[in-house]
N, C-alpha and C. Protein backbone atom coordinates (compact mmCIF):
# COMPACT_ATOMS: atom_id res chain seq x y z
N MET A 1 5.40 -30.56 13.67
CA MET A 1 4.34 -31.42 13.10
C MET A 1 3.30 -30.56 12.48
N ARG A 2 2.91 -30.97 11.26
CA ARG A 2 1.87 -30.20 10.51
C ARG A 2 0.55 -30.50 10.98
N ASP A 3 -0.27 -29.50 11.25
CA ASP A 3 -1.68 -29.68 11.73
C ASP A 3 -2.52 -30.14 10.55
N PRO A 4 -3.31 -31.25 10.79
CA PRO A 4 -4.12 -31.79 9.68
C PRO A 4 -5.07 -30.66 9.04
N ILE A 5 -5.52 -29.81 9.85
CA ILE A 5 -6.40 -28.84 9.36
C ILE A 5 -5.62 -27.81 8.35
N ASP A 6 -4.42 -27.45 8.78
CA ASP A 6 -3.64 -26.69 7.84
C ASP A 6 -3.32 -27.34 6.62
N VAL A 7 -3.05 -28.64 6.65
CA VAL A 7 -2.77 -29.50 5.52
C VAL A 7 -4.03 -29.51 4.56
N HIS A 8 -5.17 -29.67 5.14
CA HIS A 8 -6.43 -29.67 4.46
C HIS A 8 -6.73 -28.36 3.73
N VAL A 9 -6.55 -27.28 4.47
CA VAL A 9 -6.74 -25.92 3.90
C VAL A 9 -5.74 -25.73 2.73
N GLY A 10 -4.50 -26.05 2.96
CA GLY A 10 -3.50 -25.94 1.95
C GLY A 10 -3.84 -26.78 0.69
N SER A 11 -4.32 -28.00 0.90
CA SER A 11 -4.64 -28.82 -0.27
C SER A 11 -5.81 -28.22 -1.00
N ARG A 12 -6.75 -27.56 -0.35
CA ARG A 12 -7.84 -26.84 -1.04
C ARG A 12 -7.34 -25.75 -1.76
N LEU A 13 -6.39 -25.03 -1.14
CA LEU A 13 -5.69 -23.83 -1.86
C LEU A 13 -5.08 -24.24 -3.08
N ARG A 14 -4.30 -25.28 -3.05
CA ARG A 14 -3.69 -25.85 -4.32
C ARG A 14 -4.71 -26.29 -5.31
N LEU A 15 -5.73 -26.85 -4.86
CA LEU A 15 -6.82 -27.37 -5.73
C LEU A 15 -7.37 -26.24 -6.56
N ILE A 16 -7.84 -25.18 -5.83
CA ILE A 16 -8.44 -24.07 -6.51
C ILE A 16 -7.46 -23.18 -7.32
N ARG A 17 -6.24 -23.04 -6.81
CA ARG A 17 -5.23 -22.31 -7.54
C ARG A 17 -4.89 -23.00 -8.92
N THR A 18 -4.72 -24.26 -8.87
CA THR A 18 -4.41 -25.00 -10.09
C THR A 18 -5.64 -25.01 -11.04
N ALA A 19 -6.82 -25.18 -10.52
CA ALA A 19 -8.01 -25.20 -11.31
C ALA A 19 -8.26 -23.83 -11.99
N LYS A 20 -7.87 -22.79 -11.38
CA LYS A 20 -8.04 -21.50 -11.96
C LYS A 20 -6.74 -21.01 -12.77
N ARG A 21 -5.78 -21.98 -12.74
CA ARG A 21 -4.47 -21.73 -13.49
C ARG A 21 -3.80 -20.52 -13.11
N LEU A 22 -3.72 -20.32 -11.84
CA LEU A 22 -2.98 -19.15 -11.31
C LEU A 22 -1.62 -19.64 -10.71
N SER A 23 -0.51 -19.08 -11.07
CA SER A 23 0.74 -19.50 -10.64
C SER A 23 0.97 -19.14 -9.15
N LEU A 24 2.01 -19.82 -8.48
CA LEU A 24 2.35 -19.54 -7.20
C LEU A 24 2.82 -18.06 -7.09
N GLU A 25 3.56 -17.65 -8.08
CA GLU A 25 4.08 -16.30 -8.07
C GLU A 25 3.01 -15.23 -8.17
N GLU A 26 2.04 -15.50 -9.10
CA GLU A 26 0.95 -14.56 -9.18
C GLU A 26 0.00 -14.40 -7.90
N LEU A 27 -0.31 -15.58 -7.38
CA LEU A 27 -1.10 -15.56 -6.11
C LEU A 27 -0.31 -14.85 -5.02
N GLY A 28 0.96 -15.17 -4.82
CA GLY A 28 1.84 -14.55 -3.90
C GLY A 28 1.77 -13.00 -4.06
N ARG A 29 1.97 -12.55 -5.33
CA ARG A 29 2.06 -11.13 -5.63
C ARG A 29 0.70 -10.51 -5.23
N ARG A 30 -0.34 -11.15 -5.45
CA ARG A 30 -1.70 -10.53 -5.29
C ARG A 30 -2.02 -10.39 -3.75
N ILE A 31 -1.45 -11.27 -2.99
CA ILE A 31 -1.72 -11.14 -1.47
C ILE A 31 -0.48 -10.62 -0.70
N GLY A 32 0.62 -10.42 -1.47
CA GLY A 32 1.67 -9.69 -0.80
C GLY A 32 2.66 -10.71 -0.07
N VAL A 33 2.83 -11.92 -0.63
CA VAL A 33 3.81 -12.79 -0.02
C VAL A 33 4.55 -13.38 -1.18
N THR A 34 5.70 -14.15 -0.89
CA THR A 34 6.53 -14.78 -1.87
C THR A 34 5.85 -16.04 -2.38
N TYR A 35 6.28 -16.55 -3.49
CA TYR A 35 5.73 -17.84 -3.97
C TYR A 35 6.16 -19.01 -3.04
N GLN A 36 7.27 -18.91 -2.38
CA GLN A 36 7.70 -19.92 -1.38
C GLN A 36 6.73 -20.06 -0.25
N GLN A 37 6.18 -18.76 0.14
CA GLN A 37 5.12 -18.78 1.24
C GLN A 37 3.89 -19.49 0.79
N ILE A 38 3.47 -19.24 -0.45
CA ILE A 38 2.26 -19.98 -0.97
C ILE A 38 2.53 -21.46 -1.01
N GLN A 39 3.81 -21.93 -1.38
CA GLN A 39 4.12 -23.23 -1.32
C GLN A 39 3.96 -23.88 0.05
N LYS A 40 4.46 -23.06 1.10
CA LYS A 40 4.34 -23.53 2.50
C LYS A 40 2.83 -23.57 2.89
N TYR A 41 2.11 -22.65 2.37
CA TYR A 41 0.64 -22.76 2.72
C TYR A 41 0.01 -24.00 2.18
N GLU A 42 0.40 -24.25 1.05
CA GLU A 42 -0.27 -25.44 0.31
C GLU A 42 0.15 -26.80 0.80
N THR A 43 1.30 -26.86 1.41
CA THR A 43 1.68 -28.13 2.05
C THR A 43 1.26 -28.21 3.56
N GLY A 44 0.79 -27.09 4.13
CA GLY A 44 0.49 -27.09 5.49
C GLY A 44 1.58 -26.83 6.39
N ALA A 45 2.79 -26.51 5.81
CA ALA A 45 3.95 -26.22 6.56
C ALA A 45 3.79 -24.91 7.42
N ASN A 46 3.09 -23.89 6.75
CA ASN A 46 2.74 -22.67 7.45
C ASN A 46 1.25 -22.52 7.39
N ARG A 47 0.75 -21.89 8.50
CA ARG A 47 -0.69 -21.66 8.69
C ARG A 47 -1.04 -20.32 7.98
N ILE A 48 -2.19 -20.32 7.29
CA ILE A 48 -2.67 -19.15 6.62
C ILE A 48 -3.40 -18.33 7.52
N SER A 49 -3.09 -17.03 7.59
CA SER A 49 -3.74 -16.11 8.52
C SER A 49 -5.14 -15.87 8.05
N ALA A 50 -6.01 -15.50 8.90
CA ALA A 50 -7.46 -15.27 8.56
C ALA A 50 -7.51 -14.23 7.54
N ALA A 51 -6.74 -13.13 7.60
CA ALA A 51 -6.68 -12.10 6.67
C ALA A 51 -6.28 -12.51 5.27
N SER A 52 -5.18 -13.34 5.20
CA SER A 52 -4.80 -13.88 3.93
C SER A 52 -5.82 -14.84 3.33
N LEU A 53 -6.36 -15.66 4.13
CA LEU A 53 -7.38 -16.65 3.62
C LEU A 53 -8.64 -15.85 3.01
N TYR A 54 -8.99 -14.78 3.77
CA TYR A 54 -10.12 -13.96 3.29
C TYR A 54 -9.70 -13.35 1.90
N ARG A 55 -8.51 -12.84 1.75
CA ARG A 55 -8.04 -12.20 0.46
C ARG A 55 -7.95 -13.26 -0.64
N ILE A 56 -7.45 -14.42 -0.32
CA ILE A 56 -7.39 -15.52 -1.26
C ILE A 56 -8.73 -15.86 -1.74
N ALA A 57 -9.71 -15.97 -0.81
CA ALA A 57 -11.06 -16.30 -1.23
C ALA A 57 -11.68 -15.28 -2.18
N GLN A 58 -11.37 -13.96 -1.88
CA GLN A 58 -11.77 -12.91 -2.81
C GLN A 58 -11.22 -13.14 -4.17
N ILE A 59 -9.93 -13.44 -4.20
CA ILE A 59 -9.24 -13.58 -5.54
C ILE A 59 -9.92 -14.57 -6.33
N PHE A 60 -10.30 -15.74 -5.65
CA PHE A 60 -10.92 -16.91 -6.46
C PHE A 60 -12.48 -16.76 -6.38
N ASP A 61 -13.00 -15.65 -5.96
CA ASP A 61 -14.45 -15.45 -5.97
C ASP A 61 -15.14 -16.65 -5.35
N THR A 62 -14.75 -16.94 -4.14
CA THR A 62 -15.38 -18.04 -3.41
C THR A 62 -15.46 -17.59 -1.91
N SER A 63 -16.06 -18.38 -1.08
CA SER A 63 -16.18 -18.12 0.36
C SER A 63 -14.96 -18.67 1.09
N PRO A 64 -14.51 -18.00 2.13
CA PRO A 64 -13.48 -18.68 2.94
C PRO A 64 -13.85 -20.14 3.43
N THR A 65 -15.09 -20.32 3.56
CA THR A 65 -15.50 -21.78 4.00
C THR A 65 -15.16 -22.76 3.00
N PHE A 66 -14.93 -22.39 1.72
CA PHE A 66 -14.45 -23.25 0.68
C PHE A 66 -13.33 -24.15 1.15
N PHE A 67 -12.34 -23.53 1.81
CA PHE A 67 -11.06 -24.13 2.18
C PHE A 67 -11.30 -25.16 3.21
N PHE A 68 -12.42 -25.13 3.92
CA PHE A 68 -12.72 -26.07 5.00
C PHE A 68 -13.65 -27.20 4.51
N ASP A 69 -14.27 -27.06 3.41
CA ASP A 69 -15.18 -28.08 2.89
C ASP A 69 -14.47 -29.41 2.81
N GLY A 70 -15.18 -30.43 3.28
CA GLY A 70 -14.69 -31.78 3.22
C GLY A 70 -13.81 -32.07 4.42
N LEU A 71 -13.66 -31.18 5.29
CA LEU A 71 -12.82 -31.46 6.59
C LEU A 71 -13.61 -32.31 7.44
N SER A 72 -13.00 -33.48 7.75
CA SER A 72 -13.79 -34.48 8.51
C SER A 72 -13.47 -34.36 9.97
N GLU A 73 -14.25 -34.85 10.80
CA GLU A 73 -13.95 -34.91 12.28
C GLU A 73 -12.73 -35.61 12.62
N SER A 74 -12.38 -36.67 11.83
CA SER A 74 -11.12 -37.39 12.05
C SER A 74 -9.90 -36.37 11.79
N GLU A 75 -10.03 -35.52 10.89
CA GLU A 75 -8.94 -34.61 10.64
C GLU A 75 -8.80 -33.63 11.73
N THR A 76 -9.86 -33.20 12.36
CA THR A 76 -9.79 -32.24 13.44
C THR A 76 -9.28 -32.99 14.70
N ASP A 77 -9.29 -34.24 14.73
CA ASP A 77 -8.79 -35.05 15.80
C ASP A 77 -7.32 -35.48 15.58
N GLY A 78 -6.78 -35.07 14.41
CA GLY A 78 -5.39 -35.28 14.10
C GLY A 78 -5.16 -36.38 13.03
N GLU A 79 -6.11 -37.01 12.59
CA GLU A 79 -5.96 -37.98 11.48
C GLU A 79 -6.20 -37.35 10.14
N ALA A 80 -5.21 -37.14 9.30
CA ALA A 80 -5.37 -36.56 8.02
C ALA A 80 -5.98 -37.52 7.03
N ASN A 81 -6.93 -37.05 6.24
CA ASN A 81 -7.61 -37.69 5.18
C ASN A 81 -7.29 -36.97 3.87
N GLU A 82 -7.42 -37.65 2.66
CA GLU A 82 -7.30 -36.83 1.50
C GLU A 82 -8.50 -35.94 1.40
N PRO A 83 -8.24 -34.63 0.99
CA PRO A 83 -9.38 -33.77 0.79
C PRO A 83 -10.15 -34.09 -0.54
N MET A 84 -11.37 -33.74 -0.53
CA MET A 84 -12.13 -34.02 -1.72
C MET A 84 -11.55 -33.17 -2.88
N ALA A 85 -11.26 -33.80 -4.00
CA ALA A 85 -10.55 -33.09 -5.01
C ALA A 85 -11.07 -33.16 -6.44
N SER A 86 -12.26 -33.75 -6.63
CA SER A 86 -12.77 -33.80 -7.88
C SER A 86 -13.23 -32.51 -8.43
N ARG A 87 -13.19 -32.30 -9.79
CA ARG A 87 -13.63 -31.07 -10.44
C ARG A 87 -15.10 -30.87 -10.10
N GLU A 88 -15.97 -31.83 -9.99
CA GLU A 88 -17.34 -31.56 -9.71
C GLU A 88 -17.55 -31.07 -8.30
N THR A 89 -16.77 -31.64 -7.33
CA THR A 89 -16.76 -31.15 -5.97
C THR A 89 -16.33 -29.64 -5.94
N LEU A 90 -15.26 -29.34 -6.65
CA LEU A 90 -14.77 -28.02 -6.62
C LEU A 90 -15.85 -27.05 -7.16
N GLN A 91 -16.39 -27.44 -8.34
CA GLN A 91 -17.45 -26.57 -8.93
C GLN A 91 -18.59 -26.37 -7.95
N SER A 92 -19.05 -27.52 -7.33
CA SER A 92 -20.21 -27.35 -6.37
C SER A 92 -19.83 -26.49 -5.20
N SER A 93 -18.71 -26.71 -4.69
CA SER A 93 -18.22 -25.83 -3.49
C SER A 93 -18.17 -24.34 -3.85
N MET A 94 -17.66 -24.10 -5.07
CA MET A 94 -17.50 -22.69 -5.44
C MET A 94 -18.92 -22.08 -5.73
N ALA A 95 -19.86 -22.88 -6.29
CA ALA A 95 -21.15 -22.39 -6.58
C ALA A 95 -21.84 -22.10 -5.24
N LEU A 96 -21.76 -22.97 -4.25
CA LEU A 96 -22.32 -22.82 -2.95
C LEU A 96 -21.77 -21.60 -2.21
N GLY A 97 -20.46 -21.39 -2.43
CA GLY A 97 -19.81 -20.21 -1.81
C GLY A 97 -20.11 -18.89 -2.42
N ARG A 98 -20.66 -18.86 -3.64
CA ARG A 98 -21.07 -17.62 -4.31
C ARG A 98 -22.37 -17.12 -3.87
N ILE A 99 -23.22 -18.03 -3.31
CA ILE A 99 -24.50 -17.70 -2.76
C ILE A 99 -24.41 -16.72 -1.70
N GLN A 100 -24.85 -15.49 -1.78
CA GLN A 100 -24.68 -14.42 -0.86
C GLN A 100 -25.61 -14.57 0.44
N ASP A 101 -26.83 -15.02 0.16
CA ASP A 101 -27.68 -15.16 1.22
C ASP A 101 -27.38 -16.33 2.14
N VAL A 102 -26.94 -16.02 3.42
CA VAL A 102 -26.53 -17.05 4.35
C VAL A 102 -27.62 -18.09 4.61
N GLU A 103 -28.78 -17.67 4.67
CA GLU A 103 -29.95 -18.63 5.08
C GLU A 103 -30.08 -19.59 3.93
N VAL A 104 -30.11 -19.09 2.61
CA VAL A 104 -30.24 -19.92 1.45
C VAL A 104 -29.06 -20.96 1.40
N ARG A 105 -27.87 -20.42 1.60
CA ARG A 105 -26.68 -21.34 1.61
C ARG A 105 -26.77 -22.38 2.64
N HIS A 106 -27.22 -22.01 3.85
CA HIS A 106 -27.47 -22.94 5.00
C HIS A 106 -28.41 -24.01 4.53
N ARG A 107 -29.61 -23.58 4.02
CA ARG A 107 -30.64 -24.53 3.66
C ARG A 107 -30.24 -25.50 2.49
N LEU A 108 -29.45 -24.88 1.53
CA LEU A 108 -28.88 -25.84 0.58
C LEU A 108 -27.99 -26.82 1.12
N ARG A 109 -27.10 -26.39 1.98
CA ARG A 109 -26.23 -27.40 2.59
C ARG A 109 -27.00 -28.48 3.36
N MET A 110 -28.02 -28.06 4.07
CA MET A 110 -28.87 -29.08 4.77
C MET A 110 -29.58 -30.02 3.78
N LEU A 111 -29.94 -29.53 2.63
CA LEU A 111 -30.57 -30.37 1.57
C LEU A 111 -29.57 -31.36 1.03
N ILE A 112 -28.36 -30.81 0.79
CA ILE A 112 -27.27 -31.72 0.27
C ILE A 112 -26.92 -32.82 1.28
N ASP A 113 -26.90 -32.45 2.55
CA ASP A 113 -26.59 -33.46 3.59
C ASP A 113 -27.75 -34.44 3.72
N ALA A 114 -28.99 -34.02 3.60
CA ALA A 114 -30.10 -34.95 3.68
C ALA A 114 -30.10 -35.87 2.50
N LEU A 115 -29.61 -35.42 1.32
CA LEU A 115 -29.56 -36.33 0.13
C LEU A 115 -28.46 -37.32 0.17
N ASP A 116 -27.36 -37.08 0.98
CA ASP A 116 -26.17 -37.83 1.10
C ASP A 116 -26.49 -39.06 2.02
N PRO A 117 -26.51 -40.26 1.48
CA PRO A 117 -26.82 -41.38 2.30
C PRO A 117 -25.71 -41.69 3.37
N ASP A 118 -24.50 -41.09 3.26
CA ASP A 118 -23.43 -41.29 4.22
C ASP A 118 -23.35 -40.19 5.23
N ALA A 119 -24.24 -39.14 5.12
CA ALA A 119 -24.15 -38.04 6.04
C ALA A 119 -24.43 -38.49 7.43
N GLY A 120 -23.76 -37.94 8.46
CA GLY A 120 -23.84 -38.21 9.78
C GLY A 120 -23.11 -39.39 10.25
N ARG A 121 -22.29 -40.03 9.35
CA ARG A 121 -21.55 -41.13 9.79
C ARG A 121 -20.20 -40.79 10.32
């Protein structure tokens, strides 16, 4: 059975890979795995190691936290939801991930949450 968190992370990987127009083969080559392994990561069939996730984040110039953005509590409890997939969401997540100052990133995230009328539900 596929873990909903692995499925979510894999969906986020597919989202950023396709948005950046990088092939399965090229991404696999860059991190030292086959394109079939990338496919398995993207479907959640195989779990991505922390080292590979970090390398992938570097390739896409984002933070490893990008892959967990939009992960809901219901997903961590075993109920899979569709990951946020809009271009605007991707761009916002990538911009937030590029902010190097952890405190600034945290405060921006708090501001975003405060502006979201559905936050905390």
